[in-house]
C-alpha atoms as a PDB file:
ATOM      1  CA  UNK A   1     -33.634  25.994  57.648  1.00  0.00           C
ATOM      2  CA  UNK A   2     -33.916  26.517  53.885  1.00  0.00           C
ATOM      3  CA  UNK A   3     -30.523  28.217  53.844  1.00  0.00           C
ATOM      4  CA  UNK A   4     -28.905  25.302  55.726  1.00  0.00           C
ATOM      5  CA  UNK A   5     -30.340  22.820  53.208  1.00  0.00           C
ATOM      6  CA  UNK A   6     -29.068  24.886  50.271  1.00  0.00           C
ATOM      7  CA  UNK A   7     -25.582  25.123  51.773  1.00  0.00           C
ATOM      8  CA  UNK A   8     -25.506  21.387  52.463  1.00  0.00           C
ATOM      9  CA  UNK A   9     -26.699  20.642  48.926  1.00  0.00           C
ATOM     10  CA  UNK A  10     -24.063  22.944  47.451  1.00  0.00           C
ATOM     11  CA  UNK A  11     -21.331  21.287  49.476  1.00  0.00           C
ATOM     12  CA  UNK A  12     -22.442  17.799  48.455  1.00  0.00           C
ATOM     13  CA  UNK A  13     -22.480  18.775  44.780  1.00  0.00           C
ATOM     14  CA  UNK A  14     -19.030  20.314  45.092  1.00  0.00           C
ATOM     15  CA  UNK A  15     -17.621  17.143  46.663  1.00  0.00           C
ATOM     16  CA  UNK A  16     -19.249  14.962  43.995  1.00  0.00           C
ATOM     17  CA  UNK A  17     -17.922  17.150  41.181  1.00  0.00           C
ATOM     18  CA  UNK A  18     -14.363  17.219  42.524  1.00  0.00           C
ATOM     19  CA  UNK A  19     -14.330  13.426  43.024  1.00  0.00           C
ATOM     20  CA  UNK A  20     -15.537  12.662  39.489  1.00  0.00           C
ATOM     21  CA  UNK A  21     -12.890  12.229  36.748  1.00  0.00           C
ATOM     22  CA  UNK A  22     -14.669  14.684  34.473  1.00  0.00           C
ATOM     23  CA  UNK A  23     -13.682  14.759  30.810  1.00  0.00           C
ATOM     24  CA  UNK A  24     -13.146  18.510  31.046  1.00  0.00           C
ATOM     25  CA  UNK A  25     -10.156  17.910  33.329  1.00  0.00           C
ATOM     26  CA  UNK A  26      -8.311  16.112  30.526  1.00  0.00           C
ATOM     27  CA  UNK A  27      -7.042  17.319  27.184  1.00  0.00           C
ATOM     28  CA  UNK A  28      -9.402  16.596  24.260  1.00  0.00           C
ATOM     29  CA  UNK A  29      -6.797  14.425  22.507  1.00  0.00           C
ATOM     30  CA  UNK A  30      -4.047  12.108  23.737  1.00  0.00           C
ATOM     31  CA  UNK A  31      -1.346  11.550  21.106  1.00  0.00           C
ATOM     32  CA  UNK A  32       0.045   8.049  20.486  1.00  0.00           C
ATOM     33  CA  UNK A  33       3.219   7.741  18.378  1.00  0.00           C
ATOM     34  CA  UNK A  34       4.036   4.792  16.113  1.00  0.00           C
ATOM     35  CA  UNK A  35       6.746   4.199  13.530  1.00  0.00           C
ATOM     36  CA  UNK A  36       4.499   1.846  11.524  1.00  0.00           C
ATOM     37  CA  UNK A  37       1.230   2.252   9.650  1.00  0.00           C
ATOM     38  CA  UNK A  38      -2.194   1.011  10.781  1.00  0.00           C
ATOM     39  CA  UNK A  39      -1.941  -2.489   9.283  1.00  0.00           C
ATOM     40  CA  UNK A  40      -0.384  -5.557  10.877  1.00  0.00           C
ATOM     41  CA  UNK A  41      -0.342  -6.603  14.561  1.00  0.00           C
ATOM     42  CA  UNK A  42       1.581  -3.476  15.655  1.00  0.00           C
ATOM     43  CA  UNK A  43      -0.695  -0.873  14.091  1.00  0.00           C
ATOM     44  CA  UNK A  44      -3.874  -2.846  14.762  1.00  0.00           C
ATOM     45  CA  UNK A  45      -3.006  -3.047  18.460  1.00  0.00           C
ATOM     46  CA  UNK A  46      -2.771   0.751  18.618  1.00  0.00           C
ATOM     47  CA  UNK A  47      -6.240   1.069  17.097  1.00  0.00           C
ATOM     48  CA  UNK A  48      -7.650  -1.503  19.524  1.00  0.00           C
ATOM     49  CA  UNK A  49      -6.034   0.238  22.502  1.00  0.00           C
ATOM     50  CA  UNK A  50      -7.500   3.613  21.526  1.00  0.00           C
ATOM     51  CA  UNK A  51     -10.968   2.135  20.975  1.00  0.00           C
ATOM     52  CA  UNK A  52     -11.091   0.241  24.273  1.00  0.00           C
ATOM     53  CA  UNK A  53      -9.667   3.112  26.291  1.00  0.00           C
ATOM     54  CA  UNK A  54     -12.255   5.549  24.965  1.00  0.00           C
ATOM     55  CA  UNK A  55     -15.036   3.070  25.711  1.00  0.00           C
ATOM     56  CA  UNK A  56     -13.823   2.145  29.200  1.00  0.00           C
ATOM     57  CA  UNK A  57     -13.299   5.751  30.309  1.00  0.00           C
ATOM     58  CA  UNK A  58     -16.584   6.967  28.780  1.00  0.00           C
ATOM     59  CA  UNK A  59     -14.615   9.214  26.438  1.00  0.00           C
ATOM     60  CA  UNK A  60     -12.394  10.798  29.076  1.00  0.00           C
ATOM     61  CA  UNK A  61      -9.267   9.442  27.380  1.00  0.00           C
ATOM     62  CA  UNK A  62      -9.515   9.965  23.639  1.00  0.00           C
ATOM     63  CA  UNK A  63      -6.362   8.608  21.965  1.00  0.00           C
ATOM     64  CA  UNK A  64      -5.409   9.604  18.438  1.00  0.00           C
ATOM     65  CA  UNK A  65      -2.831   7.385  16.744  1.00  0.00           C
ATOM     66  CA  UNK A  66      -0.120   9.174  14.790  1.00  0.00           C
ATOM     67  CA  UNK A  67       1.055   6.430  12.439  1.00  0.00           C
ATOM     68  CA  UNK A  68       4.171   6.224  10.254  1.00  0.00           C
ATOM     69  CA  UNK A  69       6.290   8.576  12.327  1.00  0.00           C
ATOM     70  CA  UNK A  70       4.096  11.640  11.984  1.00  0.00           C
ATOM     71  CA  UNK A  71       5.159  13.000  15.372  1.00  0.00           C
ATOM     72  CA  UNK A  72       8.910  12.475  15.084  1.00  0.00           C
ATOM     73  CA  UNK A  73       9.247  13.649  11.466  1.00  0.00           C
ATOM     74  CA  UNK A  74      11.094  10.634  10.131  1.00  0.00           C
ATOM     75  CA  UNK A  75      13.719  10.229  12.882  1.00  0.00           C
ATOM     76  CA  UNK A  76      12.377   7.261  14.795  1.00  0.00           C
ATOM     77  CA  UNK A  77      15.059   7.359  17.492  1.00  0.00           C
ATOM     78  CA  UNK A  78      13.515  10.666  18.664  1.00  0.00           C
ATOM     79  CA  UNK A  79      10.299   8.952  19.753  1.00  0.00           C
ATOM     80  CA  UNK A  80      11.369   8.309  23.352  1.00  0.00           C
ATOM     81  CA  UNK A  81      12.397  11.952  23.782  1.00  0.00           C
ATOM     82  CA  UNK A  82       8.988  13.150  22.542  1.00  0.00           C
ATOM     83  CA  UNK A  83       7.369  10.842  25.084  1.00  0.00           C
ATOM     84  CA  UNK A  84       9.652  11.996  27.875  1.00  0.00           C
ATOM     85  CA  UNK A  85       8.840  15.633  27.103  1.00  0.00           C
ATOM     86  CA  UNK A  86       5.096  15.051  26.886  1.00  0.00           C
ATOM     87  CA  UNK A  87       4.874  15.966  23.186  1.00  0.00           C
ATOM     88  CA  UNK A  88       3.481  12.453  22.796  1.00  0.00           C
ATOM     89  CA  UNK A  89       1.225  11.087  25.541  1.00  0.00           C
ATOM     90  CA  UNK A  90       1.654   7.455  24.508  1.00  0.00           C
ATOM     91  CA  UNK A  91       4.006   5.570  22.230  1.00  0.00           C
ATOM     92  CA  UNK A  92       3.905   1.998  21.031  1.00  0.00           C
ATOM     93  CA  UNK A  93       7.580   1.771  20.216  1.00  0.00           C
ATOM     94  CA  UNK A  94      10.373  -0.654  19.432  1.00  0.00           C
ATOM     95  CA  UNK A  95      13.117  -1.253  21.981  1.00  0.00           C
ATOM     96  CA  UNK A  96      15.533  -0.699  19.082  1.00  0.00           C
ATOM     97  CA  UNK A  97      14.300   2.845  18.548  1.00  0.00           C
ATOM     98  CA  UNK A  98      14.318   3.601  22.270  1.00  0.00           C
ATOM     99  CA  UNK A  99      17.801   2.170  22.886  1.00  0.00           C
ATOM    100  CA  UNK A 100      19.689   5.453  22.195  1.00  0.00           C
ATOM    101  CA  UNK A 101      18.037   6.886  25.324  1.00  0.00           C
ATOM    102  CA  UNK A 102      17.919   3.624  27.320  1.00  0.00           C
ATOM    103  CA  UNK A 103      21.044   1.729  26.249  1.00  0.00           C
ATOM    104  CA  UNK A 104      20.112  -1.292  28.367  1.00  0.00           C
ATOM    105  CA  UNK A 105      17.326  -2.074  25.867  1.00  0.00           C
ATOM    106  CA  UNK A 106      20.080  -3.337  23.552  1.00  0.00           C
ATOM    107  CA  UNK A 107      19.760  -6.492  25.663  1.00  0.00           C
ATOM    108  CA  UNK A 108      17.287  -7.745  23.051  1.00  0.00           C
ATOM    109  CA  UNK A 109      19.630  -7.038  20.127  1.00  0.00           C
ATOM    110  CA  UNK A 110      22.479  -9.157  21.490  1.00  0.00           C
ATOM    111  CA  UNK A 111      23.367 -11.457  18.568  1.00  0.00           C
ATOM    112  CA  UNK A 112      21.867 -14.946  18.832  1.00  0.00           C
ATOM    113  CA  UNK A 113      21.010 -14.614  22.532  1.00  0.00           C
ATOM    114  CA  UNK A 114      17.357 -15.708  22.435  1.00  0.00           C
ATOM    115  CA  UNK A 115      16.633 -19.204  21.109  1.00  0.00           C
ATOM    116  CA  UNK A 116      12.849 -19.080  21.541  1.00  0.00           C
ATOM    117  CA  UNK A 117       9.785 -17.029  22.403  1.00  0.00           C
ATOM    118  CA  UNK A 118       9.702 -18.852  25.726  1.00  0.00           C
ATOM    119  CA  UNK A 119      13.154 -17.573  26.608  1.00  0.00           C
ATOM    120  CA  UNK A 120      12.207 -14.024  25.629  1.00  0.00           C
ATOM    121  CA  UNK A 121       9.007 -14.081  27.693  1.00  0.00           C
ATOM    122  CA  UNK A 122      10.909 -15.367  30.712  1.00  0.00           C
ATOM    123  CA  UNK A 123      13.430 -12.516  30.480  1.00  0.00           C
ATOM    124  CA  UNK A 124      10.715  -9.874  30.045  1.00  0.00           C
ATOM    125  CA  UNK A 125       8.692 -11.231  32.964  1.00  0.00           C
ATOM    126  CA  UNK A 126      11.697 -11.839  35.192  1.00  0.00           C
ATOM    127  CA  UNK A 127      14.243  -9.694  36.990  1.00  0.00           C
ATOM    128  CA  UNK A 128      15.820  -8.244  33.797  1.00  0.00           C
ATOM    129  CA  UNK A 129      12.446  -7.052  32.527  1.00  0.00           C
ATOM    130  CA  UNK A 130      11.640  -5.477  35.892  1.00  0.00           C
ATOM    131  CA  UNK A 131      14.982  -3.651  35.910  1.00  0.00           C
ATOM    132  CA  UNK A 132      14.381  -2.346  32.389  1.00  0.00           C
ATOM    133  CA  UNK A 133      10.943  -1.097  33.473  1.00  0.00           C
ATOM    134  CA  UNK A 134      12.566   0.891  36.297  1.00  0.00           C
ATOM    135  CA  UNK A 135      15.218   2.333  33.981  1.00  0.00           C
ATOM    136  CA  UNK A 136      12.566   3.471  31.505  1.00  0.00           C
ATOM    137  CA  UNK A 137      10.444   5.029  34.236  1.00  0.00           C
ATOM    138  CA  UNK A 138      13.477   6.828  35.702  1.00  0.00           C
ATOM    139  CA  UNK A 139      13.731   8.646  32.364  1.00  0.00           C
ATOM    140  CA  UNK A 140      10.192  10.001  32.459  1.00  0.00           C
ATOM    141  CA  UNK A 141       8.257   7.256  30.676  1.00  0.00           C
ATOM    142  CA  UNK A 142       5.819   4.852  32.344  1.00  0.00           C
ATOM    143  CA  UNK A 143       6.041   1.399  30.686  1.00  0.00           C
ATOM    144  CA  UNK A 144       2.624  -0.238  30.540  1.00  0.00           C
ATOM    145  CA  UNK A 145       3.080  -3.560  28.715  1.00  0.00           C
ATOM    146  CA  UNK A 146       5.410  -5.573  26.497  1.00  0.00           C
ATOM    147  CA  UNK A 147       4.543  -6.191  22.871  1.00  0.00           C
ATOM    148  CA  UNK A 148       6.505  -7.618  19.972  1.00  0.00           C
ATOM    149  CA  UNK A 149       7.654  -6.958  16.447  1.00  0.00           C
ATOM    150  CA  UNK A 150       9.322 -10.361  16.162  1.00  0.00           C
ATOM    151  CA  UNK A 151      12.538 -12.252  15.526  1.00  0.00           C
ATOM    152  CA  UNK A 152      14.526 -10.546  12.790  1.00  0.00           C
ATOM    153  CA  UNK A 153      15.340 -12.692   9.750  1.00  0.00           C
ATOM    154  CA  UNK A 154      17.667 -12.107   6.789  1.00  0.00           C
ATOM    155  CA  UNK A 155      16.522 -11.777   3.169  1.00  0.00           C
ATOM    156  CA  UNK A 156      18.529 -10.977   0.048  1.00  0.00           C
ATOM    157  CA  UNK A 157      18.380 -11.077  -3.722  1.00  0.00           C
ATOM    158  CA  UNK A 158      21.823 -12.575  -4.358  1.00  0.00           C
ATOM    159  CA  UNK A 159      22.234 -16.026  -2.855  1.00  0.00           C
ATOM    160  CA  UNK A 160      21.203 -18.369  -0.023  1.00  0.00           C
ATOM    161  CA  UNK A 161      23.010 -17.619   3.245  1.00  0.00           C
ATOM    162  CA  UNK A 162      24.006 -20.683   5.255  1.00  0.00           C
ATOM    163  CA  UNK A 163      27.414 -19.588   6.574  1.00  0.00           C
ATOM    164  CA  UNK A 164      29.100 -16.309   7.498  1.00  0.00           C
ATOM    165  CA  UNK A 165      31.128 -16.514   4.284  1.00  0.00           C
ATOM    166  CA  UNK A 166      27.884 -16.201   2.303  1.00  0.00           C
ATOM    167  CA  UNK A 167      27.399 -12.704   3.725  1.00  0.00           C
ATOM    168  CA  UNK A 168      30.817 -11.503   2.585  1.00  0.00           C
ATOM    169  CA  UNK A 169      30.412  -8.216   0.720  1.00  0.00           C
ATOM    170  CA  UNK A 170      26.603  -8.225   0.712  1.00  0.00           C
ATOM    171  CA  UNK A 171      25.069  -4.769   1.127  1.00  0.00           C
ATOM    172  CA  UNK A 172      22.456  -5.237   3.838  1.00  0.00           C
ATOM    173  CA  UNK A 173      20.050  -2.550   4.978  1.00  0.00           C
ATOM    174  CA  UNK A 174      20.041  -2.519   8.788  1.00  0.00           C
ATOM    175  CA  UNK A 175      18.397  -0.573  11.568  1.00  0.00           C
ATOM    176  CA  UNK A 176      20.433   2.529  12.406  1.00  0.00           C
ATOM    177  CA  UNK A 177      21.638   1.190  15.734  1.00  0.00           C
ATOM    178  CA  UNK A 178      25.331   0.622  16.540  1.00  0.00           C
ATOM    179  CA  UNK A 179      24.895  -2.973  17.736  1.00  0.00           C
ATOM    180  CA  UNK A 180      23.264  -3.999  14.424  1.00  0.00           C
ATOM    181  CA  UNK A 181      26.015  -2.343  12.422  1.00  0.00           C
ATOM    182  CA  UNK A 182      28.645  -4.085  14.577  1.00  0.00           C
ATOM    183  CA  UNK A 183      26.944  -7.452  14.070  1.00  0.00           C
ATOM    184  CA  UNK A 184      26.829  -7.313  10.276  1.00  0.00           C
ATOM    185  CA  UNK A 185      30.351  -5.970   9.970  1.00  0.00           C
ATOM    186  CA  UNK A 186      31.567  -8.890  12.089  1.00  0.00           C
ATOM    187  CA  UNK A 187      29.867 -11.232   9.603  1.00  0.00           C
ATOM    188  CA  UNK A 188      31.653  -9.635   6.656  1.00  0.00           C
ATOM    189  CA  UNK A 189      28.626  -7.812   5.250  1.00  0.00           C
ATOM    190  CA  UNK A 190      28.410  -4.144   4.347  1.00  0.00           C
ATOM    191  CA  UNK A 191      25.644  -2.745   6.603  1.00  0.00           C
ATOM    192  CA  UNK A 192      23.732   0.178   5.092  1.00  0.00           C
ATOM    193  CA  UNK A 193      21.653   2.455   7.307  1.00  0.00           C
ATOM    194  CA  UNK A 194      18.743   4.008   5.400  1.00  0.00           C
ATOM    195  CA  UNK A 195      15.069   4.666   6.030  1.00  0.00           C
ATOM    196  CA  UNK A 196      12.620   1.988   4.958  1.00  0.00           C
ATOM    197  CA  UNK A 197      11.073   3.918   2.079  1.00  0.00           C
ATOM    198  CA  UNK A 198      14.466   4.471   0.429  1.00  0.00           C
ATOM    199  CA  UNK A 199      15.424   0.861   1.125  1.00  0.00           C
ATOM    200  CA  UNK A 200      12.496  -0.507  -0.876  1.00  0.00           C
ATOM    201  CA  UNK A 201      13.583   1.508  -3.903  1.00  0.00           C
ATOM    202  CA  UNK A 202      17.171   0.326  -3.418  1.00  0.00           C
ATOM    203  CA  UNK A 203      16.022  -3.318  -3.345  1.00  0.00           C
ATOM    204  CA  UNK A 204      14.140  -2.870  -6.616  1.00  0.00           C
ATOM    205  CA  UNK A 205      17.133  -1.199  -8.261  1.00  0.00           C
ATOM    206  CA  UNK A 206      19.565  -3.767  -6.869  1.00  0.00           C
ATOM    207  CA  UNK A 207      21.790  -1.153  -5.218  1.00  0.00           C
ATOM    208  CA  UNK A 208      21.188  -2.813  -1.816  1.00  0.00           C
ATOM    209  CA  UNK A 209      21.253  -6.612  -1.689  1.00  0.00           C
ATOM    210  CA  UNK A 210      19.337  -7.492   1.458  1.00  0.00           C
ATOM    211  CA  UNK A 211      17.722  -6.540   4.742  1.00  0.00           C
ATOM    212  CA  UNK A 212      16.789  -7.909   8.182  1.00  0.00           C
ATOM    213  CA  UNK A 213      13.263  -7.721   9.584  1.00  0.00           C
ATOM    214  CA  UNK A 214      10.497  -9.853  11.132  1.00  0.00           C
ATOM    215  CA  UNK A 215       8.322 -12.055   8.909  1.00  0.00           C
ATOM    216  CA  UNK A 216       4.759 -11.182   9.946  1.00  0.00           C
ATOM    217  CA  UNK A 217       5.127  -7.431  10.372  1.00  0.00           C
ATOM    218  CA  UNK A 218       7.418  -6.663   7.417  1.00  0.00           C
ATOM    219  CA  UNK A 219       8.269  -9.484   5.008  1.00  0.00           C
ATOM    220  CA  UNK A 220       4.689 -10.539   4.284  1.00  0.00           C
ATOM    221  CA  UNK A 221       2.939  -7.114   4.262  1.00  0.00           C
ATOM    222  CA  UNK A 222       5.642  -5.627   1.997  1.00  0.00           C
ATOM    223  CA  UNK A 223       5.804  -8.760  -0.216  1.00  0.00           C
ATOM    224  CA  UNK A 224       9.577  -8.837  -0.104  1.00  0.00           C
ATOM    225  CA  UNK A 225       9.572 -11.981  -2.250  1.00  0.00           C
ATOM    226  CA  UNK A 226       9.160  -9.624  -5.208  1.00  0.00           C
ATOM    227  CA  UNK A 227      12.732  -8.366  -4.676  1.00  0.00           C
ATOM    228  CA  UNK A 228      14.394 -11.050  -2.539  1.00  0.00           C
ATOM    229  CA  UNK A 229      14.221 -14.745  -3.299  1.00  0.00           C
ATOM    230  CA  UNK A 230      16.343 -15.888  -0.338  1.00  0.00           C
ATOM    231  CA  UNK A 231      15.526 -15.901   3.348  1.00  0.00           C
ATOM    232  CA  UNK A 232      17.574 -17.253   6.239  1.00  0.00           C
ATOM    233  CA  UNK A 233      15.635 -18.054   9.407  1.00  0.00           C
ATOM    234  CA  UNK A 234      18.260 -17.449  12.080  1.00  0.00           C
ATOM    235  CA  UNK A 235      16.491 -15.525  14.878  1.00  0.00           C
ATOM    236  CA  UNK A 236      19.638 -13.458  15.302  1.00  0.00           C
ATOM    237  CA  UNK A 237      17.853 -10.702  17.266  1.00  0.00           C
ATOM    238  CA  UNK A 238      14.416 -10.088  18.715  1.00  0.00           C
ATOM    239  CA  UNK A 239      12.472  -6.822  18.601  1.00  0.00           C
ATOM    240  CA  UNK A 240      10.158  -6.332  21.595  1.00  0.00           C
ATOM    241  CA  UNK A 241       7.741  -3.421  21.668  1.00  0.00           C
ATOM    242  CA  UNK A 242       6.827  -1.328  24.687  1.00  0.00           C
ATOM    243  CA  UNK A 243       3.524   0.478  25.106  1.00  0.00           C
ATOM    244  CA  UNK A 244       4.600   3.432  27.195  1.00  0.00           C
ATOM    245  CA  UNK A 245       3.096   6.648  28.519  1.00  0.00           C
ATOM    246  CA  UNK A 246       4.607  10.014  29.298  1.00  0.00           C
ATOM    247  CA  UNK A 247       5.067  10.379  33.060  1.00  0.00           C
ATOM    248  CA  UNK A 248       3.669  13.911  32.712  1.00  0.00           C
ATOM    249  CA  UNK A 249       0.453  12.533  31.231  1.00  0.00           C
ATOM    250  CA  UNK A 250       0.306   9.613  33.666  1.00  0.00           C
ATOM    251  CA  UNK A 251       0.491  11.989  36.626  1.00  0.00           C
ATOM    252  CA  UNK A 252      -2.425  13.991  35.228  1.00  0.00           C
ATOM    253  CA  UNK A 253      -4.813  11.014  35.411  1.00  0.00           C
ATOM    254  CA  UNK A 254      -6.962   9.957  38.328  1.00  0.00           C
ATOM    255  CA  UNK A 255      -5.976   6.706  40.087  1.00  0.00           C
ATOM    256  CA  UNK A 256      -9.039   4.964  38.633  1.00  0.00           C
ATOM    257  CA  UNK A 257      -8.143   5.988  35.099  1.00  0.00           C
ATOM    258  CA  UNK A 258      -4.521   4.932  35.572  1.00  0.00           C
ATOM    259  CA  UNK A 259      -5.818   1.502  36.531  1.00  0.00           C
ATOM    260  CA  UNK A 260      -7.988   1.362  33.407  1.00  0.00           C
ATOM    261  CA  UNK A 261      -5.056   2.418  31.204  1.00  0.00           C
ATOM    262  CA  UNK A 262      -2.743  -0.199  32.702  1.00  0.00           C
ATOM    263  CA  UNK A 263      -5.209  -3.090  32.502  1.00  0.00           C
ATOM    264  CA  UNK A 264      -6.213  -2.206  28.949  1.00  0.00           C
ATOM    265  CA  UNK A 265      -2.570  -1.973  27.855  1.00  0.00           C
ATOM    266  CA  UNK A 266      -1.739  -5.410  29.276  1.00  0.00           C
ATOM    267  CA  UNK A 267      -4.799  -6.966  27.627  1.00  0.00           C
ATOM    268  CA  UNK A 268      -4.217  -5.399  24.217  1.00  0.00           C
ATOM    269  CA  UNK A 269      -0.491  -6.118  24.090  1.00  0.00           C
ATOM    270  CA  UNK A 270      -1.010  -9.790  24.973  1.00  0.00           C
ATOM    271  CA  UNK A 271      -3.314  -9.901  21.951  1.00  0.00           C
ATOM    272  CA  UNK A 272      -0.707  -8.043  19.868  1.00  0.00           C
ATOM    273  CA  UNK A 273       2.009 -10.563  20.776  1.00  0.00           C
ATOM    274  CA  UNK A 274      -0.161 -13.424  19.576  1.00  0.00           C
ATOM    275  CA  UNK A 275      -0.612 -11.665  16.255  1.00  0.00           C
ATOM    276  CA  UNK A 276       3.113 -11.039  15.839  1.00  0.00           C
ATOM    277  CA  UNK A 277       3.820 -14.739  16.400  1.00  0.00           C
ATOM    278  CA  UNK A 278       0.986 -16.060  14.223  1.00  0.00           C
ATOM    279  CA  UNK A 279       2.195 -18.773  11.870  1.00  0.00           C
ATOM    280  CA  UNK A 280       5.711 -18.764  13.333  1.00  0.00           C
ATOM    281  CA  UNK A 281       5.275 -21.013  16.339  1.00  0.00           C
ATOM    282  CA  UNK A 282       4.316 -24.603  15.712  1.00  0.00           C
ATOM    283  CA  UNK A 283       2.983 -25.291  12.198  1.00  0.00           C
ATOM    284  CA  UNK A 284       4.881 -22.326  10.699  1.00  0.00           C
ATOM    285  CA  UNK A 285       2.133 -21.291   8.261  1.00  0.00           C
ATOM    286  CA  UNK A 286       3.809 -17.922   7.727  1.00  0.00           C
ATOM    287  CA  UNK A 287       6.965 -19.619   6.465  1.00  0.00           C
ATOM    288  CA  UNK A 288       4.917 -21.819   4.149  1.00  0.00           C
ATOM    289  CA  UNK A 289       3.401 -18.634   2.774  1.00  0.00           C
ATOM    290  CA  UNK A 290       6.886 -17.389   1.885  1.00  0.00           C
ATOM    291  CA  UNK A 291       7.649 -20.645   0.080  1.00  0.00           C
ATOM    292  CA  UNK A 292       4.397 -20.464  -1.889  1.00  0.00           C
ATOM    293  CA  UNK A 293       5.479 -17.036  -3.081  1.00  0.00           C
ATOM    294  CA  UNK A 294       8.752 -18.385  -4.426  1.00  0.00           C
ATOM    295  CA  UNK A 295      11.197 -17.744  -1.605  1.00  0.00           C
ATOM    296  CA  UNK A 296      13.983 -20.211  -0.904  1.00  0.00           C
ATOM    297  CA  UNK A 297      13.912 -20.739   2.861  1.00  0.00           C
ATOM    298  CA  UNK A 298      17.120 -21.627   4.684  1.00  0.00           C
ATOM    299  CA  UNK A 299      16.686 -23.022   8.188  1.00  0.00           C
ATOM    300  CA  UNK A 300      20.040 -23.321   9.900  1.00  0.00           C
ATOM    301  CA  UNK A 301      21.213 -26.510  11.597  1.00  0.00           C
ATOM    302  CA  UNK A 302      22.696 -26.291  15.092  1.00  0.00           C
ATOM    303  CA  UNK A 303      26.215 -26.489  13.624  1.00  0.00           C
ATOM    304  CA  UNK A 304      25.517 -23.768  11.050  1.00  0.00           C
ATOM    305  CA  UNK A 305      24.049 -21.510  13.725  1.00  0.00           C
ATOM    306  CA  UNK A 306      27.112 -22.079  15.918  1.00  0.00           C
ATOM    307  CA  UNK A 307      29.326 -20.660  13.165  1.00  0.00           C
ATOM    308  CA  UNK A 308      27.360 -17.391  13.144  1.00  0.00           C
ATOM    309  CA  UNK A 309      27.473 -17.219  16.939  1.00  0.00           C
ATOM    310  CA  UNK A 310      31.239 -17.696  16.954  1.00  0.00           C
ATOM    311  CA  UNK A 311      31.741 -14.986  14.348  1.00  0.00           C
ATOM    312  CA  UNK A 312      29.687 -12.456  16.306  1.00  0.00           C
ATOM    313  CA  UNK A 313      31.040 -13.329  19.755  1.00  0.00           C
ATOM    314  CA  UNK A 314      33.335 -10.258  19.879  1.00  0.00           C
ATOM    315  CA  UNK A 315      30.270  -8.062  19.276  1.00  0.00           C
ATOM    316  CA  UNK A 316      28.412  -9.862  22.059  1.00  0.00           C
ATOM    317  CA  UNK A 317      31.310  -9.388  24.482  1.00  0.00           C
ATOM    318  CA  UNK A 318      31.650  -5.701  23.603  1.00  0.00           C
ATOM    319  CA  UNK A 319      27.967  -5.032  24.258  1.00  0.00           C
ATOM    320  CA  UNK A 320      27.957  -6.862  27.581  1.00  0.00           C
ATOM    321  CA  UNK A 321      29.989  -3.918  28.852  1.00  0.00           C
ATOM    322  CA  UNK A 322      27.773  -1.349  27.130  1.00  0.00           C
ATOM    323  CA  UNK A 323      24.531  -2.839  28.495  1.00  0.00           C
ATOM    324  CA  UNK A 324      25.808  -3.872  31.916  1.00  0.00           C
ATOM    325  CA  UNK A 325      27.312  -7.217  32.901  1.00  0.00           C
ATOM    326  CA  UNK A 326      24.862  -7.878  35.750  1.00  0.00           C
ATOM    327  CA  UNK A 327      21.821  -7.339  33.541  1.00  0.00           C
ATOM    328  CA  UNK A 328      23.196  -9.546  30.754  1.00  0.00           C
ATOM    329  CA  UNK A 329      24.180 -12.314  33.186  1.00  0.00           C
ATOM    330  CA  UNK A 330      20.718 -12.299  34.740  1.00  0.00           C
ATOM    331  CA  UNK A 331      19.159 -12.666  31.289  1.00  0.00           C
ATOM    332  CA  UNK A 332      21.640 -15.382  30.262  1.00  0.00           C
ATOM    333  CA  UNK A 333      20.769 -17.400  33.365  1.00  0.00           C
ATOM    334  CA  UNK A 334      17.062 -17.229  32.556  1.00  0.00           C
ATOM    335  CA  UNK A 335      17.655 -18.135  28.893  1.00  0.00           C
ATOM    336  CA  UNK A 336      19.786 -21.133  29.887  1.00  0.00           C
ATOM    337  CA  UNK A 337      16.964 -22.394  32.091  1.00  0.00           C
ATOM    338  CA  UNK A 338      14.296 -22.159  29.392  1.00  0.00           C
ATOM    339  CA  UNK A 339      15.935 -23.865  26.412  1.00  0.00           C
END
């Protein structure tokens, strides 16, 4: 009788142990890659995600954030590949930096396609966003939630820019992505691809005239008013973020922990989006902050914006083919219905 009880007890303990998502089954550290530092909505969201995930899994998933490109050694377009290969377990990355591996993500860099946050959200949450999710997952990365870096605005130290002619000959630091280079060449500028650290030195020395980046995540934290007195608010491209996970790592988790990861990602990235848009929707406090620091703010009229759109239309048409006509048309239809 005693032997039967001991066997039954042993079996019950074995079943309980195998069903529990024990911490020992997971690696001691899950790596999360970011191109930015820990400050601002982007970096702060990574810290919040790591904190909540550790708490909600009782320490089973311990995420360490590798800020400022520590994992990809300065070449930010390698981030997706590191994620695909499982070198990074998570990445909170820009669609711009992931577009070399998933060309359809250039949908968000189409010049002057998105007139508002509402239009962007509708595309992300609609059929185009769902298709992009499937394309990303087919390449070995599980997309968890959308985030945002923001609409990209133009600053320079030479002159106000109200028309394409004002960009003629200006040396503008751009993201090292073909669609951005095409866009600025079409506008008559001289696009310069360089890393951000070198660009800041070039701005101070006057060897590069301008740059394009979002207000909250870049212009304000880096106090660009110290080198550039002119800003044009033109929303020429938007820079969504994706919190993604290596499929190899995802498959190693229990179903319960996958559910925790997904729900936490959605919650944190909704919070991150709010931060990225703070002071840019409604009262525009962030823009007022730029003015207080001496920047001359140019807000384009509908007619002025139309001139930029016309000048970059050949770039738009070229990239419809690169991205895929069906995907672009689906996004255009949604945008037209949300203006």
